[in-house]
Amino acid sequence: MELKSVPTLTEYFSPSWIIERSLCNGYSRLVCDQFNYLIDNKKKSTIDSIALSLKPIKSNDIHYPESKSILSLVIDFILTLKEKNLLPCIVFSDSRMLCENMAAGVAEYFEELENDLRRKKYKNQIQQLENRLELIEKTKKKIKPKKEKKSSNNRKNDDEDNIAELKMMEEEENDQILLSGFEQQLLNGILDEGTLANRQGCDRELVDALIERASKENPRLIRYMKRGVAYHHAGLNNKGRVAVEALFRNRYIQVVFSTSTLCMLF
């Protein structure tokens, strides 16, 4: 058996965007194999030189590029999964409180992101839509008396020209009120950038029914679910658990923070 050089930590781990336990175990085996080779072949001088080069490491000697909270790391992790199209995912924890706090933190991140987009990127578009709707309301108030007057004339004279004009006015009014899906999001809904929820590739009727069923007992959870995030543990009531499990299977919810309660189901 020949001695194989062990790559440095940077060489070994840098190609991976996330370090998994199996990768760490693989590196550990490489180091152990090298030491076993040195021991079996009585390479005492090499072993002594390695032992002398090792120095005890204190926590004060370790310097990270920047200190980050667990929540920040989790959000970065989820955004990376989203970018690489690796969602949905389940993040397991033994703590019910941590599951709820992480779900709340991720949901609040996307809520703040959306609020920021409304204040800056979409500010002018929202203002234009609000002005447009205000103008439509004023127009409707003016059109209504005219329509009533013309309808009265039609009943008396059965005038075909008046009927055609009324129909055209109604069509114009309806066309003005119609808003695109994106415009409705800008005014009253949740922006696509402000949620992880897979709203296009899900069963919309099922989503609405489950959210409606669970909303009374789980208002906070429903708020998170609309952002594509949820939590799951034994303390969650039945309607909440059913909604989370079904909507995760349906791929509407993209991230679930869970204790071991989901292990049996997926």
Protein backbone atom coordinates (compact mmCIF):
# COMPACT_ATOMS: atom_id res chain seq x y z
CA MET A 1 0.00 0.00 0.00
CA GLU A 2 1.44 3.33 -1.07
CA LEU A 3 1.14 6.56 0.88
CA LYS A 4 -1.31 8.95 -0.75
CA SER A 5 -1.06 12.62 -0.03
CA VAL A 6 -4.02 14.15 1.78
CA PRO A 7 -5.38 17.32 0.16
CA THR A 8 -5.63 20.47 2.25
CA LEU A 9 -8.97 21.40 3.74
CA THR A 10 -9.40 24.15 1.15
CA GLU A 11 -8.62 21.81 -1.75
CA TYR A 12 -10.96 19.13 -0.44
CA PHE A 13 -13.99 21.19 0.58
CA SER A 14 -13.99 24.26 -1.70
CA PRO A 15 -15.62 22.59 -4.76
CA SER A 16 -18.78 21.91 -2.70
CA TRP A 17 -21.27 24.75 -2.11
CA ILE A 18 -22.45 23.02 1.07
CA ILE A 19 -20.44 20.76 3.39
CA GLU A 20 -22.31 17.57 4.30
CA ARG A 21 -21.44 15.14 7.08
CA SER A 22 -20.53 12.43 4.57
CA LEU A 23 -17.92 14.75 3.07
CA CYS A 24 -16.38 15.36 6.49
CA ASN A 25 -16.35 11.61 7.18
CA GLY A 26 -14.59 11.05 3.85
CA TYR A 27 -11.83 13.49 4.76
CA SER A 28 -11.47 11.87 8.18
CA ARG A 29 -10.97 8.46 6.54
CA LEU A 30 -8.24 9.86 4.29
CA VAL A 31 -6.33 11.19 7.30
CA CYS A 32 -6.80 7.96 9.27
CA ASP A 33 -5.60 5.87 6.32
CA GLN A 34 -2.46 7.97 6.07
CA PHE A 35 -1.65 7.59 9.78
CA ASN A 36 -2.33 3.84 9.64
CA TYR A 37 0.12 3.58 6.75
CA LEU A 38 2.78 5.49 8.71
CA ILE A 39 2.26 3.30 11.79
CA ASP A 40 2.25 0.02 9.84
CA ASN A 41 5.46 0.98 8.03
CA LYS A 42 7.13 2.31 11.18
CA LYS A 43 7.63 5.81 9.78
CA LYS A 44 8.58 7.11 13.21
CA SER A 45 10.41 10.23 12.04
CA THR A 46 7.42 11.33 9.91
CA ILE A 47 5.00 10.72 12.77
CA ASP A 48 7.21 12.70 15.17
CA SER A 49 7.46 15.63 12.76
CA ILE A 50 3.66 15.72 12.36
CA ALA A 51 3.17 15.55 16.14
CA LEU A 52 5.62 18.42 16.68
CA SER A 53 3.92 20.56 14.04
CA LEU A 54 0.52 20.26 15.72
CA LYS A 55 -0.41 23.05 18.11
CA PRO A 56 -3.44 23.22 20.41
CA ILE A 57 -6.07 25.56 18.96
CA LYS A 58 -8.00 27.91 21.21
CA SER A 59 -11.35 29.42 20.31
CA ASN A 60 -9.75 32.88 20.36
CA ASP A 61 -7.41 31.78 17.57
CA ILE A 62 -10.29 31.02 15.19
CA HIS A 63 -11.41 33.97 13.11
CA TYR A 64 -14.45 33.71 10.84
CA PRO A 65 -14.96 36.12 7.93
CA GLU A 66 -18.12 37.46 9.58
CA SER A 67 -20.42 36.54 12.43
CA LYS A 68 -23.94 35.59 11.40
CA SER A 69 -27.03 34.56 13.32
CA ILE A 70 -28.53 31.11 12.78
CA LEU A 71 -31.51 32.73 11.05
CA SER A 72 -29.27 34.58 8.57
CA LEU A 73 -27.45 31.36 7.76
CA VAL A 74 -30.75 29.51 7.29
CA ILE A 75 -32.11 32.24 4.98
CA ASP A 76 -28.88 32.18 2.92
CA PHE A 77 -29.14 28.40 2.74
CA ILE A 78 -32.77 28.51 1.52
CA LEU A 79 -32.02 31.24 -1.04
CA THR A 80 -29.17 29.08 -2.36
CA LEU A 81 -31.52 26.10 -2.67
CA LYS A 82 -34.01 28.30 -4.51
CA GLU A 83 -31.35 29.62 -6.88
CA LYS A 84 -30.20 26.08 -7.68
CA ASN A 85 -33.82 24.88 -8.11
CA LEU A 86 -33.42 22.40 -5.22
CA LEU A 87 -36.62 23.25 -3.33
CA PRO A 88 -38.79 21.98 -1.66
CA CYS A 89 -36.97 20.91 1.49
CA ILE A 90 -37.52 19.95 5.14
CA VAL A 91 -35.25 21.38 7.83
CA PHE A 92 -35.28 19.15 10.93
CA SER A 93 -34.77 20.27 14.52
CA ASP A 94 -35.41 18.77 17.94
CA SER A 95 -36.85 22.06 19.21
CA ARG A 96 -40.47 23.03 18.55
CA MET A 97 -39.69 26.64 19.42
CA LEU A 98 -36.77 26.72 16.98
CA CYS A 99 -38.99 25.34 14.20
CA GLU A 100 -41.57 28.08 14.80
CA ASN A 101 -38.94 30.81 15.15
CA MET A 102 -37.16 29.80 11.94
CA ALA A 103 -40.44 29.70 9.99
CA ALA A 104 -41.35 33.12 11.38
CA GLY A 105 -37.93 34.54 10.52
CA VAL A 106 -37.99 33.31 6.91
CA ALA A 107 -41.58 34.51 6.38
CA GLU A 108 -40.72 37.93 7.84
CA TYR A 109 -37.68 38.16 5.57
CA PHE A 110 -39.92 37.79 2.50
CA GLU A 111 -42.53 40.18 3.93
CA GLU A 112 -39.87 42.84 4.43
CA LEU A 113 -38.47 42.14 0.95
CA GLU A 114 -41.93 42.70 -0.53
CA ASN A 115 -42.49 45.89 1.46
CA ASP A 116 -39.16 47.21 0.23
CA LEU A 117 -40.11 46.39 -3.39
CA ARG A 118 -43.42 48.22 -2.97
CA ARG A 119 -41.65 51.27 -1.52
CA LYS A 120 -39.02 51.44 -4.25
CA LYS A 121 -39.24 49.26 -7.38
CA TYR A 122 -43.02 49.27 -7.81
CA LYS A 123 -43.89 52.59 -6.16
CA ASN A 124 -44.78 54.39 -9.42
CA GLN A 125 -46.74 51.45 -10.84
CA ILE A 126 -48.82 51.14 -7.67
CA GLN A 127 -49.55 54.88 -7.71
CA GLN A 128 -50.61 54.70 -11.37
CA LEU A 129 -52.94 51.76 -10.64
CA GLU A 130 -54.52 53.55 -7.69
CA ASN A 131 -55.07 56.65 -9.84
CA ARG A 132 -56.56 54.48 -12.59
CA LEU A 133 -59.01 52.81 -10.19
CA GLU A 134 -59.99 56.17 -8.74
CA LEU A 135 -60.71 57.45 -12.26
CA ILE A 136 -62.77 54.32 -13.02
CA GLU A 137 -64.89 54.88 -9.91
CA LYS A 138 -65.57 58.48 -10.93
CA THR A 139 -66.42 57.34 -14.48
CA LYS A 140 -68.82 54.67 -13.17
CA LYS A 141 -70.71 57.27 -11.15
CA LYS A 142 -71.12 59.41 -14.28
CA ILE A 143 -72.07 56.48 -16.54
CA LYS A 144 -74.76 55.05 -14.23
CA PRO A 145 -77.28 57.94 -14.58
CA LYS A 146 -76.76 57.94 -18.36
CA LYS A 147 -77.42 54.22 -18.56
CA GLU A 148 -80.60 54.54 -16.53
CA LYS A 149 -81.82 57.40 -18.72
CA LYS A 150 -81.07 55.54 -21.95
CA SER A 151 -82.70 52.36 -20.62
CA SER A 152 -85.87 54.35 -19.96
CA ASN A 153 -85.80 55.68 -23.51
CA ASN A 154 -85.30 52.18 -24.87
CA ARG A 155 -88.36 50.90 -23.05
CA LYS A 156 -90.44 53.66 -24.58
CA ASN A 157 -89.03 53.83 -28.09
CA ASP A 158 -87.29 50.46 -28.50
CA ASP A 159 -84.56 52.35 -30.29
CA GLU A 160 -81.87 49.96 -31.67
CA ASP A 161 -79.21 52.65 -31.77
CA ASN A 162 -79.63 53.33 -28.06
CA ILE A 163 -79.37 49.60 -27.26
CA ALA A 164 -76.12 49.31 -29.21
CA GLU A 165 -74.68 52.38 -27.49
CA LEU A 166 -75.59 51.03 -24.06
CA LYS A 167 -73.92 47.72 -24.83
CA MET A 168 -70.76 49.50 -25.98
CA MET A 169 -70.68 51.60 -22.79
CA GLU A 170 -70.98 48.46 -20.64
CA GLU A 171 -68.13 46.75 -22.53
CA GLU A 172 -65.88 49.78 -22.14
CA GLU A 173 -66.63 49.93 -18.41
CA ASN A 174 -65.80 46.22 -17.95
CA ASP A 175 -62.56 46.53 -19.94
CA GLN A 176 -61.43 49.39 -17.72
CA ILE A 177 -62.02 47.40 -14.50
CA LEU A 178 -60.13 44.28 -15.62
CA LEU A 179 -56.67 44.06 -14.05
CA SER A 180 -53.90 41.62 -14.89
CA GLY A 181 -52.77 39.08 -12.31
CA PHE A 182 -49.63 41.08 -11.63
CA GLU A 183 -51.63 44.30 -11.19
CA GLN A 184 -53.89 42.55 -8.67
CA GLN A 185 -50.78 41.40 -6.78
CA LEU A 186 -49.46 44.95 -6.71
CA LEU A 187 -52.69 46.29 -5.23
CA ASN A 188 -53.90 43.59 -2.87
CA GLY A 189 -51.90 40.39 -3.11
CA ILE A 190 -48.48 38.91 -2.45
CA LEU A 191 -45.78 39.55 -5.06
CA ASP A 192 -43.99 36.58 -6.62
CA GLU A 193 -40.69 37.99 -5.33
CA GLY A 194 -42.14 38.06 -1.83
CA THR A 195 -42.92 34.38 -1.46
CA LEU A 196 -41.41 30.93 -1.92
CA ALA A 197 -44.86 29.41 -2.52
CA ASN A 198 -45.25 27.53 -5.78
CA ARG A 199 -48.46 29.27 -6.84
CA GLN A 200 -48.32 28.26 -10.50
CA GLY A 201 -47.65 24.54 -10.17
CA CYS A 202 -50.16 23.69 -7.44
CA ASP A 203 -53.83 22.69 -7.18
CA ARG A 204 -55.26 26.14 -6.45
CA GLU A 205 -58.65 24.85 -5.27
CA LEU A 206 -56.98 22.48 -2.78
CA VAL A 207 -54.70 25.25 -1.52
CA ASP A 208 -57.58 27.67 -0.94
CA ALA A 209 -59.72 25.02 0.76
CA LEU A 210 -56.99 23.90 3.17
CA ILE A 211 -55.95 27.45 4.02
CA GLU A 212 -59.56 28.41 4.67
CA ARG A 213 -60.10 25.32 6.87
CA ALA A 214 -57.01 25.95 9.00
CA SER A 215 -57.10 29.76 9.13
CA LYS A 216 -59.33 30.23 12.17
CA GLU A 217 -57.16 28.16 14.54
CA ASN A 218 -53.79 28.92 12.92
CA PRO A 219 -53.67 32.56 11.72
CA ARG A 220 -49.92 32.87 12.28
CA LEU A 221 -49.14 29.59 10.47
CA ILE A 222 -51.38 30.60 7.55
CA ARG A 223 -49.46 33.88 7.24
CA TYR A 224 -46.22 31.90 6.94
CA MET A 225 -47.74 29.39 4.52
CA LYS A 226 -48.69 32.16 2.11
CA ARG A 227 -44.96 32.90 1.97
CA GLY A 228 -44.26 29.24 1.14
CA VAL A 229 -42.91 28.43 4.62
CA ALA A 230 -44.35 26.38 7.49
CA TYR A 231 -43.51 24.56 10.72
CA HIS A 232 -44.64 21.13 11.90
CA HIS A 233 -44.46 19.46 15.31
CA ALA A 234 -46.58 17.38 17.71
CA GLY A 235 -48.01 20.51 19.35
CA LEU A 236 -49.61 21.70 16.11
CA ASN A 237 -53.38 21.15 15.97
CA ASN A 238 -54.90 18.67 13.52
CA LYS A 239 -56.13 21.20 10.94
CA GLY A 240 -52.74 22.86 10.89
CA ARG A 241 -50.88 19.55 10.49
CA VAL A 242 -53.16 18.39 7.67
CA ALA A 243 -52.74 21.70 5.85
CA VAL A 244 -48.94 21.67 6.14
CA GLU A 245 -48.60 18.01 5.09
CA ALA A 246 -51.02 18.29 2.15
CA LEU A 247 -49.65 21.59 0.84
CA PHE A 248 -46.07 20.37 1.11
CA ARG A 249 -47.00 17.26 -0.89
CA ASN A 250 -48.80 19.55 -3.34
CA ARG A 251 -45.53 21.56 -3.61
CA TYR A 252 -47.24 24.81 -2.64
CA ILE A 253 -45.18 25.03 0.56
CA GLN A 254 -41.47 24.93 -0.28
CA VAL A 255 -39.80 24.89 3.16
CA VAL A 256 -40.96 23.14 6.34
CA PHE A 257 -39.16 23.42 9.67
CA SER A 258 -40.08 20.26 11.53
CA THR A 259 -39.30 18.03 14.47
CA SER A 260 -39.23 14.27 13.85
CA THR A 261 -43.02 14.28 13.33
CA LEU A 262 -42.56 14.50 9.55
CA CYS A 263 -40.04 11.65 9.37
CA MET A 264 -42.79 9.03 9.21
CA LEU A 265 -44.60 10.78 6.37
CA PHE A 266 -41.82 11.55 3.89
